[in-house]
Amino acid sequence: MNTFKVSIQETNNPTIIKFELNQFITKHQSFEFNNIDEAKASPLAQQLFYLPFVKKVYITSNFIAVERFNIVEWQDVQTEVSEQIESYLNNGGIVVEEAAAPKKVPVTVYAESTPNPSVLKFVANKKLVAATFEFTSIDEAKASPLATELFHFPFVKSIFLDENYVSITKYEVAEWNDITMELREFIRTFIENGKEVVIANAPEVVKKSTEALDATYENLDDTSKEIINILEEYVKPAVASDGGNIQFESYDAATKKVKVILQGACSGCPSSTFTLKNGIENMLKEMMKGRVEIVEAING
């Protein structure tokens, strides 16, 4: 079984700390407890309330937020709390009693067009995955029960999963007008029934965990790290709003060439090459003068 790992994240509120997990701990559900009596349905929250400085516990899909009383500072106790949560989960501790969790969660999914006419973005009001995934065939989709089931629709060509949405590329045999409603309802029902979108301990999922990505990043040269940071800050948010993703692939100092992978709606999109040449390439040339000359796109 995949080991639980906890990372500590500060929030805008100095009294609240988030303990982020590398896999989901609830089925797209959220719970808030103000005291130990309210927390009867959650053995994990009860455990945390035994700490005298814990004021409030909030449990959701992939993190636990804890609010403290002012008798301590987080920097003095956050490591201890993080280790306690990690140990509890890895010893098979129950997060929320099955009976307390509603069998179905109210879920909404809406369809959104993208610049790529072959791709539609289905956006949910719940977090679906903790990393991005792209599948171009049912064989590739073993790690994702949702993608596997979507490939049973004959008009589904490829699937891209990001934080709270699914981008679907269709074959030309079908028109969006005829299939959008069916796909939207299928995705909504799948999520509402609490089914697993991706399998937590699948090798493909483990490889995309925060720890694995951090390790890969640390092994890169300084220029590659700069390029990744620019893509993350300036490019990814815009690309994600269009139902796609851009990933750094490589940097060659000799040729000053950057290779990026386009995924989701960006992959094979008629406007992607234009956007890349006129947007991303110019941006990198300007911000990294003398170190970047060419940007090459690879469809994911």
C-alpha atoms as a PDB file:
ATOM      1  CA  MET A   1       0.000   0.000   0.000  1.00  0.00           C
ATOM      2  CA  ASN A   2       1.191   3.523  -0.755  1.00  0.00           C
ATOM      3  CA  THR A   3       2.682   5.298   2.281  1.00  0.00           C
ATOM      4  CA  PHE A   4       1.044   8.496   3.458  1.00  0.00           C
ATOM      5  CA  LYS A   5       3.316  11.541   3.389  1.00  0.00           C
ATOM      6  CA  VAL A   6       2.404  14.871   4.977  1.00  0.00           C
ATOM      7  CA  SER A   7       3.754  18.254   3.900  1.00  0.00           C
ATOM      8  CA  ILE A   8       3.211  21.388   5.981  1.00  0.00           C
ATOM      9  CA  GLN A   9       1.671  24.394   4.184  1.00  0.00           C
ATOM     10  CA  GLU A  10       1.209  27.832   5.720  1.00  0.00           C
ATOM     11  CA  THR A  11      -2.015  29.748   5.060  1.00  0.00           C
ATOM     12  CA  ASN A  12      -2.952  33.433   5.019  1.00  0.00           C
ATOM     13  CA  ASN A  13      -4.251  32.991   8.549  1.00  0.00           C
ATOM     14  CA  PRO A  14      -1.291  32.595  11.011  1.00  0.00           C
ATOM     15  CA  THR A  15      -3.444  30.491  13.366  1.00  0.00           C
ATOM     16  CA  ILE A  16      -4.239  27.891  10.658  1.00  0.00           C
ATOM     17  CA  ILE A  17      -1.837  25.362   9.151  1.00  0.00           C
ATOM     18  CA  LYS A  18      -2.610  22.919   6.337  1.00  0.00           C
ATOM     19  CA  PHE A  19      -1.217  19.392   6.497  1.00  0.00           C
ATOM     20  CA  GLU A  20      -1.281  18.336   2.848  1.00  0.00           C
ATOM     21  CA  LEU A  21      -1.339  14.642   1.917  1.00  0.00           C
ATOM     22  CA  ASN A  22       0.036  12.796  -1.101  1.00  0.00           C
ATOM     23  CA  GLN A  23      -3.240  10.892  -1.605  1.00  0.00           C
ATOM     24  CA  PHE A  24      -6.939  11.382  -0.966  1.00  0.00           C
ATOM     25  CA  ILE A  25      -8.343  10.608   2.502  1.00  0.00           C
ATOM     26  CA  THR A  26     -12.050  11.297   1.866  1.00  0.00           C
ATOM     27  CA  LYS A  27     -14.265  10.604  -1.124  1.00  0.00           C
ATOM     28  CA  HIS A  28     -14.486  14.238  -2.271  1.00  0.00           C
ATOM     29  CA  GLN A  29     -16.083  15.159   1.058  1.00  0.00           C
ATOM     30  CA  SER A  30     -15.286  17.919   3.557  1.00  0.00           C
ATOM     31  CA  PHE A  31     -15.853  17.935   7.318  1.00  0.00           C
ATOM     32  CA  GLU A  32     -15.451  20.692   9.900  1.00  0.00           C
ATOM     33  CA  PHE A  33     -15.254  20.058  13.657  1.00  0.00           C
ATOM     34  CA  ASN A  34     -15.269  22.783  16.322  1.00  0.00           C
ATOM     35  CA  ASN A  35     -14.674  20.520  19.338  1.00  0.00           C
ATOM     36  CA  ILE A  36     -14.137  16.890  20.380  1.00  0.00           C
ATOM     37  CA  ASP A  37     -17.900  16.251  20.824  1.00  0.00           C
ATOM     38  CA  GLU A  38     -18.623  17.326  17.241  1.00  0.00           C
ATOM     39  CA  ALA A  39     -15.795  15.038  16.082  1.00  0.00           C
ATOM     40  CA  LYS A  40     -17.426  11.736  17.184  1.00  0.00           C
ATOM     41  CA  ALA A  41     -17.643  10.642  13.540  1.00  0.00           C
ATOM     42  CA  SER A  42     -13.925  11.244  12.969  1.00  0.00           C
ATOM     43  CA  PRO A  43     -11.404   9.276  15.057  1.00  0.00           C
ATOM     44  CA  LEU A  44      -8.607  11.300  13.391  1.00  0.00           C
ATOM     45  CA  ALA A  45     -10.129  14.651  14.402  1.00  0.00           C
ATOM     46  CA  GLN A  46     -10.742  13.339  17.956  1.00  0.00           C
ATOM     47  CA  GLN A  47      -7.084  12.353  18.159  1.00  0.00           C
ATOM     48  CA  LEU A  48      -6.062  15.897  17.172  1.00  0.00           C
ATOM     49  CA  PHE A  49      -8.408  17.477  19.743  1.00  0.00           C
ATOM     50  CA  TYR A  50      -6.417  15.710  22.504  1.00  0.00           C
ATOM     51  CA  LEU A  51      -3.692  18.270  21.753  1.00  0.00           C
ATOM     52  CA  PRO A  52      -4.538  21.186  24.084  1.00  0.00           C
ATOM     53  CA  PHE A  53      -3.798  23.888  21.498  1.00  0.00           C
ATOM     54  CA  VAL A  54      -6.171  22.537  18.798  1.00  0.00           C
ATOM     55  CA  LYS A  55      -9.189  24.823  18.347  1.00  0.00           C
ATOM     56  CA  LYS A  56     -10.765  23.566  15.104  1.00  0.00           C
ATOM     57  CA  VAL A  57     -10.159  20.712  12.611  1.00  0.00           C
ATOM     58  CA  TYR A  58     -11.127  20.782   8.934  1.00  0.00           C
ATOM     59  CA  ILE A  59     -10.762  17.576   6.887  1.00  0.00           C
ATOM     60  CA  THR A  60     -11.107  17.470   3.113  1.00  0.00           C
ATOM     61  CA  SER A  61     -10.001  15.312   0.145  1.00  0.00           C
ATOM     62  CA  ASN A  62      -6.243  15.775   0.384  1.00  0.00           C
ATOM     63  CA  PHE A  63      -5.465  17.921   3.403  1.00  0.00           C
ATOM     64  CA  ILE A  64      -6.232  18.515   7.064  1.00  0.00           C
ATOM     65  CA  ALA A  65      -6.359  22.138   8.254  1.00  0.00           C
ATOM     66  CA  VAL A  66      -5.939  22.797  11.957  1.00  0.00           C
ATOM     67  CA  GLU A  67      -6.654  26.066  13.752  1.00  0.00           C
ATOM     68  CA  ARG A  68      -4.758  26.659  17.020  1.00  0.00           C
ATOM     69  CA  PHE A  69      -5.416  28.562  20.202  1.00  0.00           C
ATOM     70  CA  ASN A  70      -2.874  31.308  20.951  1.00  0.00           C
ATOM     71  CA  ILE A  71      -1.139  29.337  23.722  1.00  0.00           C
ATOM     72  CA  VAL A  72       1.480  28.112  21.207  1.00  0.00           C
ATOM     73  CA  GLU A  73       3.114  29.156  17.923  1.00  0.00           C
ATOM     74  CA  TRP A  74       2.830  26.766  14.950  1.00  0.00           C
ATOM     75  CA  GLN A  75       6.594  26.719  14.408  1.00  0.00           C
ATOM     76  CA  ASP A  76       6.967  25.044  17.842  1.00  0.00           C
ATOM     77  CA  VAL A  77       4.445  22.245  17.274  1.00  0.00           C
ATOM     78  CA  GLN A  78       3.741  21.802  13.535  1.00  0.00           C
ATOM     79  CA  THR A  79       6.368  19.069  13.014  1.00  0.00           C
ATOM     80  CA  GLU A  80       4.975  17.060  15.929  1.00  0.00           C
ATOM     81  CA  VAL A  81       1.408  17.357  14.565  1.00  0.00           C
ATOM     82  CA  SER A  82       2.555  16.428  11.053  1.00  0.00           C
ATOM     83  CA  GLU A  83       4.322  13.288  12.360  1.00  0.00           C
ATOM     84  CA  GLN A  84       1.277  12.353  14.438  1.00  0.00           C
ATOM     85  CA  ILE A  85      -1.052  12.580  11.393  1.00  0.00           C
ATOM     86  CA  GLU A  86       1.400  10.610   9.218  1.00  0.00           C
ATOM     87  CA  SER A  87       1.826   7.887  11.832  1.00  0.00           C
ATOM     88  CA  TYR A  88      -1.944   7.649  12.460  1.00  0.00           C
ATOM     89  CA  LEU A  89      -2.760   7.224   8.765  1.00  0.00           C
ATOM     90  CA  ASN A  90       0.085   4.787   8.066  1.00  0.00           C
ATOM     91  CA  ASN A  91      -1.093   2.605  10.943  1.00  0.00           C
ATOM     92  CA  GLY A  92      -4.504   2.287   9.272  1.00  0.00           C
ATOM     93  CA  GLY A  93      -6.297   4.860  11.432  1.00  0.00           C
ATOM     94  CA  ILE A  94      -9.837   5.793  10.367  1.00  0.00           C
ATOM     95  CA  VAL A  95     -10.312   9.328   9.056  1.00  0.00           C
ATOM     96  CA  VAL A  96     -14.127   9.476   9.105  1.00  0.00           C
ATOM     97  CA  GLU A  97     -16.532   6.673  10.041  1.00  0.00           C
ATOM     98  CA  GLU A  98     -18.235   5.223   6.960  1.00  0.00           C
ATOM     99  CA  ALA A  99     -21.714   5.775   8.466  1.00  0.00           C
ATOM    100  CA  ALA A 100     -21.020   9.486   8.982  1.00  0.00           C
ATOM    101  CA  ALA A 101     -20.051  10.092   5.395  1.00  0.00           C
ATOM    102  CA  PRO A 102     -22.977  10.691   3.050  1.00  0.00           C
ATOM    103  CA  LYS A 103     -23.125   8.067   0.341  1.00  0.00           C
ATOM    104  CA  LYS A 104     -23.478  10.741  -2.340  1.00  0.00           C
ATOM    105  CA  VAL A 105     -21.984  14.179  -2.520  1.00  0.00           C
ATOM    106  CA  PRO A 106     -23.800  16.960  -4.398  1.00  0.00           C
ATOM    107  CA  VAL A 107     -21.669  17.420  -7.515  1.00  0.00           C
ATOM    108  CA  THR A 108     -22.029  19.859 -10.384  1.00  0.00           C
ATOM    109  CA  VAL A 109     -20.214  19.526 -13.708  1.00  0.00           C
ATOM    110  CA  TYR A 110     -20.399  22.055 -16.509  1.00  0.00           C
ATOM    111  CA  ALA A 111     -18.976  21.916 -20.038  1.00  0.00           C
ATOM    112  CA  GLU A 112     -16.678  24.665 -21.273  1.00  0.00           C
ATOM    113  CA  SER A 113     -15.365  25.162 -24.812  1.00  0.00           C
ATOM    114  CA  THR A 114     -11.621  25.442 -25.483  1.00  0.00           C
ATOM    115  CA  PRO A 115      -9.595  27.023 -28.321  1.00  0.00           C
ATOM    116  CA  ASN A 116      -9.254  23.509 -29.744  1.00  0.00           C
ATOM    117  CA  PRO A 117     -12.558  22.604 -31.503  1.00  0.00           C
ATOM    118  CA  SER A 118     -11.917  18.888 -30.868  1.00  0.00           C
ATOM    119  CA  VAL A 119     -11.658  19.372 -27.088  1.00  0.00           C
ATOM    120  CA  LEU A 120     -14.262  20.137 -24.453  1.00  0.00           C
ATOM    121  CA  LYS A 121     -13.485  20.824 -20.793  1.00  0.00           C
ATOM    122  CA  PHE A 122     -15.769  19.341 -18.105  1.00  0.00           C
ATOM    123  CA  VAL A 123     -15.335  21.305 -14.874  1.00  0.00           C
ATOM    124  CA  ALA A 124     -16.419  19.909 -11.478  1.00  0.00           C
ATOM    125  CA  ASN A 125     -17.042  21.717  -8.195  1.00  0.00           C
ATOM    126  CA  LYS A 126     -14.744  19.205  -6.456  1.00  0.00           C
ATOM    127  CA  LYS A 127     -11.015  18.559  -6.549  1.00  0.00           C
ATOM    128  CA  LEU A 128     -10.490  15.431  -8.666  1.00  0.00           C
ATOM    129  CA  VAL A 129      -6.730  14.825  -8.832  1.00  0.00           C
ATOM    130  CA  ALA A 130      -3.583  16.082  -7.127  1.00  0.00           C
ATOM    131  CA  ALA A 131      -1.481  16.062 -10.344  1.00  0.00           C
ATOM    132  CA  THR A 132      -2.069  16.205 -14.116  1.00  0.00           C
ATOM    133  CA  PHE A 133      -2.606  13.044 -16.174  1.00  0.00           C
ATOM    134  CA  GLU A 134      -3.016  12.483 -19.904  1.00  0.00           C
ATOM    135  CA  PHE A 135      -4.216   9.235 -21.495  1.00  0.00           C
ATOM    136  CA  THR A 136      -4.365   8.604 -25.227  1.00  0.00           C
ATOM    137  CA  SER A 137      -5.684   5.032 -25.067  1.00  0.00           C
ATOM    138  CA  ILE A 138      -7.510   2.649 -22.735  1.00  0.00           C
ATOM    139  CA  ASP A 139      -4.257   0.728 -22.191  1.00  0.00           C
ATOM    140  CA  GLU A 140      -2.554   3.862 -20.858  1.00  0.00           C
ATOM    141  CA  ALA A 141      -5.510   4.588 -18.564  1.00  0.00           C
ATOM    142  CA  LYS A 142      -5.093   1.671 -16.127  1.00  0.00           C
ATOM    143  CA  ALA A 143      -4.277   4.099 -13.299  1.00  0.00           C
ATOM    144  CA  SER A 144      -7.573   5.957 -13.766  1.00  0.00           C
ATOM    145  CA  PRO A 145     -10.938   4.186 -13.403  1.00  0.00           C
ATOM    146  CA  LEU A 146     -12.669   7.350 -14.686  1.00  0.00           C
ATOM    147  CA  ALA A 147     -10.540   7.561 -17.851  1.00  0.00           C
ATOM    148  CA  THR A 148     -10.909   3.795 -18.416  1.00  0.00           C
ATOM    149  CA  GLU A 149     -14.704   4.068 -18.354  1.00  0.00           C
ATOM    150  CA  LEU A 150     -14.703   7.175 -20.579  1.00  0.00           C
ATOM    151  CA  PHE A 151     -12.713   5.277 -23.237  1.00  0.00           C
ATOM    152  CA  HIS A 152     -15.685   2.929 -23.566  1.00  0.00           C
ATOM    153  CA  PHE A 153     -17.434   5.760 -25.410  1.00  0.00           C
ATOM    154  CA  PRO A 154     -16.418   5.187 -29.063  1.00  0.00           C
ATOM    155  CA  PHE A 155     -16.006   8.904 -29.788  1.00  0.00           C
ATOM    156  CA  VAL A 156     -13.449   9.542 -26.984  1.00  0.00           C
ATOM    157  CA  LYS A 157      -9.951   9.929 -28.447  1.00  0.00           C
ATOM    158  CA  SER A 158      -7.916  11.140 -25.442  1.00  0.00           C
ATOM    159  CA  ILE A 159      -8.416  12.339 -21.858  1.00  0.00           C
ATOM    160  CA  PHE A 160      -6.595  14.926 -19.778  1.00  0.00           C
ATOM    161  CA  LEU A 161      -7.181  15.249 -16.011  1.00  0.00           C
ATOM    162  CA  ASP A 162      -6.235  18.309 -13.988  1.00  0.00           C
ATOM    163  CA  GLU A 163      -7.135  19.591 -10.536  1.00  0.00           C
ATOM    164  CA  ASN A 164     -10.912  19.990 -10.950  1.00  0.00           C
ATOM    165  CA  TYR A 165     -11.624  19.201 -14.598  1.00  0.00           C
ATOM    166  CA  VAL A 166     -11.525  16.578 -17.352  1.00  0.00           C
ATOM    167  CA  SER A 167     -10.608  17.633 -20.908  1.00  0.00           C
ATOM    168  CA  ILE A 168     -11.874  15.222 -23.560  1.00  0.00           C
ATOM    169  CA  THR A 169     -10.654  15.101 -27.153  1.00  0.00           C
ATOM    170  CA  LYS A 170     -13.192  13.549 -29.527  1.00  0.00           C
ATOM    171  CA  TYR A 171     -12.947  11.827 -32.875  1.00  0.00           C
ATOM    172  CA  GLU A 172     -14.498  13.716 -35.804  1.00  0.00           C
ATOM    173  CA  VAL A 173     -17.200  11.055 -36.160  1.00  0.00           C
ATOM    174  CA  ALA A 174     -19.260  12.807 -33.435  1.00  0.00           C
ATOM    175  CA  GLU A 175     -20.455  16.385 -32.894  1.00  0.00           C
ATOM    176  CA  TRP A 176     -20.260  18.006 -29.467  1.00  0.00           C
ATOM    177  CA  ASN A 177     -23.949  18.959 -29.652  1.00  0.00           C
ATOM    178  CA  ASP A 178     -24.842  15.266 -29.719  1.00  0.00           C
ATOM    179  CA  ILE A 179     -22.536  13.951 -26.971  1.00  0.00           C
ATOM    180  CA  THR A 180     -21.884  16.760 -24.447  1.00  0.00           C
ATOM    181  CA  MET A 181     -24.925  16.081 -22.259  1.00  0.00           C
ATOM    182  CA  GLU A 182     -24.190  12.342 -22.089  1.00  0.00           C
ATOM    183  CA  LEU A 183     -20.534  12.876 -21.126  1.00  0.00           C
ATOM    184  CA  ARG A 184     -21.335  15.590 -18.591  1.00  0.00           C
ATOM    185  CA  GLU A 185     -23.921  13.415 -16.848  1.00  0.00           C
ATOM    186  CA  PHE A 186     -21.614  10.376 -16.879  1.00  0.00           C
ATOM    187  CA  ILE A 187     -18.734  12.317 -15.262  1.00  0.00           C
ATOM    188  CA  ARG A 188     -21.070  13.928 -12.702  1.00  0.00           C
ATOM    189  CA  THR A 189     -22.558  10.561 -11.649  1.00  0.00           C
ATOM    190  CA  PHE A 190     -19.113   8.931 -11.453  1.00  0.00           C
ATOM    191  CA  ILE A 191     -17.826  11.629  -9.059  1.00  0.00           C
ATOM    192  CA  GLU A 192     -21.067  11.803  -7.062  1.00  0.00           C
ATOM    193  CA  ASN A 193     -20.865   8.068  -6.357  1.00  0.00           C
ATOM    194  CA  GLY A 194     -17.480   8.615  -4.703  1.00  0.00           C
ATOM    195  CA  LYS A 195     -15.585   6.444  -7.194  1.00  0.00           C
ATOM    196  CA  GLU A 196     -11.801   6.741  -7.413  1.00  0.00           C
ATOM    197  CA  VAL A 197     -10.706   9.059 -10.247  1.00  0.00           C
ATOM    198  CA  VAL A 198      -7.101   7.796 -10.108  1.00  0.00           C
ATOM    199  CA  ILE A 199      -5.771   4.880  -8.043  1.00  0.00           C
ATOM    200  CA  ALA A 200      -3.760   6.320  -5.144  1.00  0.00           C
ATOM    201  CA  ASN A 201      -0.957   3.728  -5.132  1.00  0.00           C
ATOM    202  CA  ALA A 202      -0.629   3.187  -8.903  1.00  0.00           C
ATOM    203  CA  PRO A 203       3.031   3.590 -10.033  1.00  0.00           C
ATOM    204  CA  GLU A 204       2.051   6.374 -12.476  1.00  0.00           C
ATOM    205  CA  VAL A 205       0.403   8.283  -9.631  1.00  0.00           C
ATOM    206  CA  VAL A 206       3.256   7.764  -7.155  1.00  0.00           C
ATOM    207  CA  LYS A 207       5.687   9.083  -9.785  1.00  0.00           C
ATOM    208  CA  LYS A 208       3.708  12.342  -9.878  1.00  0.00           C
ATOM    209  CA  SER A 209       3.630  12.812  -6.095  1.00  0.00           C
ATOM    210  CA  THR A 210       4.966  16.076  -4.700  1.00  0.00           C
ATOM    211  CA  GLU A 211       8.041  14.298  -3.308  1.00  0.00           C
ATOM    212  CA  ALA A 212       8.911  12.695  -6.665  1.00  0.00           C
ATOM    213  CA  LEU A 213       8.472  15.972  -8.563  1.00  0.00           C
ATOM    214  CA  ASP A 214      10.542  17.892  -5.990  1.00  0.00           C
ATOM    215  CA  ALA A 215      13.368  15.362  -6.308  1.00  0.00           C
ATOM    216  CA  THR A 216      13.354  15.678 -10.120  1.00  0.00           C
ATOM    217  CA  TYR A 217      13.365  19.491  -9.896  1.00  0.00           C
ATOM    218  CA  GLU A 218      16.308  19.534  -7.479  1.00  0.00           C
ATOM    219  CA  ASN A 219      18.440  17.509  -9.928  1.00  0.00           C
ATOM    220  CA  LEU A 220      18.058  20.096 -12.716  1.00  0.00           C
ATOM    221  CA  ASP A 221      20.506  22.863 -13.612  1.00  0.00           C
ATOM    222  CA  ASP A 222      19.736  26.450 -12.558  1.00  0.00           C
ATOM    223  CA  THR A 223      18.594  27.580 -16.038  1.00  0.00           C
ATOM    224  CA  SER A 224      16.106  24.693 -16.294  1.00  0.00           C
ATOM    225  CA  LYS A 225      14.744  25.588 -12.854  1.00  0.00           C
ATOM    226  CA  GLU A 226      14.276  29.214 -13.954  1.00  0.00           C
ATOM    227  CA  ILE A 227      12.414  28.099 -17.090  1.00  0.00           C
ATOM    228  CA  ILE A 228      10.102  25.853 -15.030  1.00  0.00           C
ATOM    229  CA  ASN A 229       9.357  28.705 -12.611  1.00  0.00           C
ATOM    230  CA  ILE A 230       8.492  31.063 -15.506  1.00  0.00           C
ATOM    231  CA  LEU A 231       6.208  28.441 -17.103  1.00  0.00           C
ATOM    232  CA  GLU A 232       4.507  27.755 -13.742  1.00  0.00           C
ATOM    233  CA  GLU A 233       3.906  31.431 -12.974  1.00  0.00           C
ATOM    234  CA  TYR A 234       3.107  32.975 -16.362  1.00  0.00           C
ATOM    235  CA  VAL A 235       2.031  30.229 -18.756  1.00  0.00           C
ATOM    236  CA  LYS A 236       0.353  27.357 -16.891  1.00  0.00           C
ATOM    237  CA  PRO A 237      -2.592  29.332 -15.425  1.00  0.00           C
ATOM    238  CA  ALA A 238      -3.614  30.634 -18.883  1.00  0.00           C
ATOM    239  CA  VAL A 239      -3.156  27.241 -20.526  1.00  0.00           C
ATOM    240  CA  ALA A 240      -5.135  25.501 -17.738  1.00  0.00           C
ATOM    241  CA  SER A 241      -8.064  27.884 -18.239  1.00  0.00           C
ATOM    242  CA  ASP A 242      -8.184  26.607 -21.838  1.00  0.00           C
ATOM    243  CA  GLY A 243      -8.288  22.974 -20.668  1.00  0.00           C
ATOM    244  CA  GLY A 244      -4.657  22.169 -21.368  1.00  0.00           C
ATOM    245  CA  ASN A 245      -1.244  21.922 -19.772  1.00  0.00           C
ATOM    246  CA  ILE A 246       2.377  22.679 -20.597  1.00  0.00           C
ATOM    247  CA  GLN A 247       5.266  20.700 -19.124  1.00  0.00           C
ATOM    248  CA  PHE A 248       8.981  21.369 -19.261  1.00  0.00           C
ATOM    249  CA  GLU A 249      10.798  18.552 -21.070  1.00  0.00           C
ATOM    250  CA  SER A 250      14.433  19.677 -21.499  1.00  0.00           C
ATOM    251  CA  TYR A 251      16.889  22.524 -21.991  1.00  0.00           C
ATOM    252  CA  ASP A 252      20.000  22.358 -24.169  1.00  0.00           C
ATOM    253  CA  ALA A 253      22.552  25.041 -23.246  1.00  0.00           C
ATOM    254  CA  ALA A 254      24.567  24.456 -26.454  1.00  0.00           C
ATOM    255  CA  THR A 255      21.660  25.075 -28.860  1.00  0.00           C
ATOM    256  CA  LYS A 256      19.699  27.289 -26.410  1.00  0.00           C
ATOM    257  CA  LYS A 257      16.647  25.157 -27.187  1.00  0.00           C
ATOM    258  CA  VAL A 258      13.792  24.508 -24.754  1.00  0.00           C
ATOM    259  CA  LYS A 259      11.481  21.534 -25.328  1.00  0.00           C
ATOM    260  CA  VAL A 260       7.993  21.583 -23.800  1.00  0.00           C
ATOM    261  CA  ILE A 261       5.175  19.032 -23.843  1.00  0.00           C
ATOM    262  CA  LEU A 262       1.663  20.226 -24.708  1.00  0.00           C
ATOM    263  CA  GLN A 263      -1.202  18.279 -23.136  1.00  0.00           C
ATOM    264  CA  GLY A 264      -4.989  18.292 -23.111  1.00  0.00           C
ATOM    265  CA  ALA A 265      -6.637  20.940 -25.287  1.00  0.00           C
ATOM    266  CA  CYS A 266      -3.205  22.309 -26.287  1.00  0.00           C
ATOM    267  CA  SER A 267      -2.051  19.024 -27.813  1.00  0.00           C
ATOM    268  CA  GLY A 268      -2.563  19.208 -31.570  1.00  0.00           C
ATOM    269  CA  CYS A 269      -4.490  22.456 -31.247  1.00  0.00           C
ATOM    270  CA  PRO A 270      -4.376  24.590 -34.433  1.00  0.00           C
ATOM    271  CA  SER A 271      -3.540  27.720 -32.412  1.00  0.00           C
ATOM    272  CA  SER A 272      -0.952  26.082 -30.112  1.00  0.00           C
ATOM    273  CA  THR A 273       2.063  26.510 -32.390  1.00  0.00           C
ATOM    274  CA  PHE A 274       1.186  30.133 -33.010  1.00  0.00           C
ATOM    275  CA  THR A 275       0.710  30.794 -29.271  1.00  0.00           C
ATOM    276  CA  LEU A 276       3.953  29.013 -28.489  1.00  0.00           C
ATOM    277  CA  LYS A 277       6.044  30.887 -31.050  1.00  0.00           C
ATOM    278  CA  ASN A 278       4.556  34.296 -30.408  1.00  0.00           C
ATOM    279  CA  GLY A 279       3.957  33.985 -26.686  1.00  0.00           C
ATOM    280  CA  ILE A 280       6.109  31.526 -24.777  1.00  0.00           C
ATOM    281  CA  GLU A 281       9.186  31.712 -26.993  1.00  0.00           C
ATOM    282  CA  ASN A 282       9.222  35.521 -26.945  1.00  0.00           C
ATOM    283  CA  MET A 283       8.684  35.562 -23.201  1.00  0.00           C
ATOM    284  CA  LEU A 284      11.568  33.172 -22.500  1.00  0.00           C
ATOM    285  CA  LYS A 285      13.876  34.997 -24.935  1.00  0.00           C
ATOM    286  CA  GLU A 286      13.069  38.283 -23.204  1.00  0.00           C
ATOM    287  CA  MET A 287      13.280  37.042 -19.598  1.00  0.00           C
ATOM    288  CA  MET A 288      16.338  34.831 -20.134  1.00  0.00           C
ATOM    289  CA  LYS A 289      18.358  36.970 -22.521  1.00  0.00           C
ATOM    290  CA  GLY A 290      21.090  35.077 -24.330  1.00  0.00           C
ATOM    291  CA  ARG A 291      20.158  31.702 -22.834  1.00  0.00           C
ATOM    292  CA  VAL A 292      17.001  30.776 -24.818  1.00  0.00           C
ATOM    293  CA  GLU A 293      16.569  31.086 -28.596  1.00  0.00           C
ATOM    294  CA  ILE A 294      14.117  28.363 -29.642  1.00  0.00           C
ATOM    295  CA  VAL A 295      11.110  26.710 -28.042  1.00  0.00           C
ATOM    296  CA  GLU A 296       9.970  23.389 -29.502  1.00  0.00           C
ATOM    297  CA  ALA A 297       6.610  21.844 -28.699  1.00  0.00           C
ATOM    298  CA  ILE A 298       5.957  18.116 -28.440  1.00  0.00           C
ATOM    299  CA  ASN A 299       2.348  16.952 -28.343  1.00  0.00           C
ATOM    300  CA  GLY A 300       1.758  14.854 -25.254  1.00  0.00           C
END
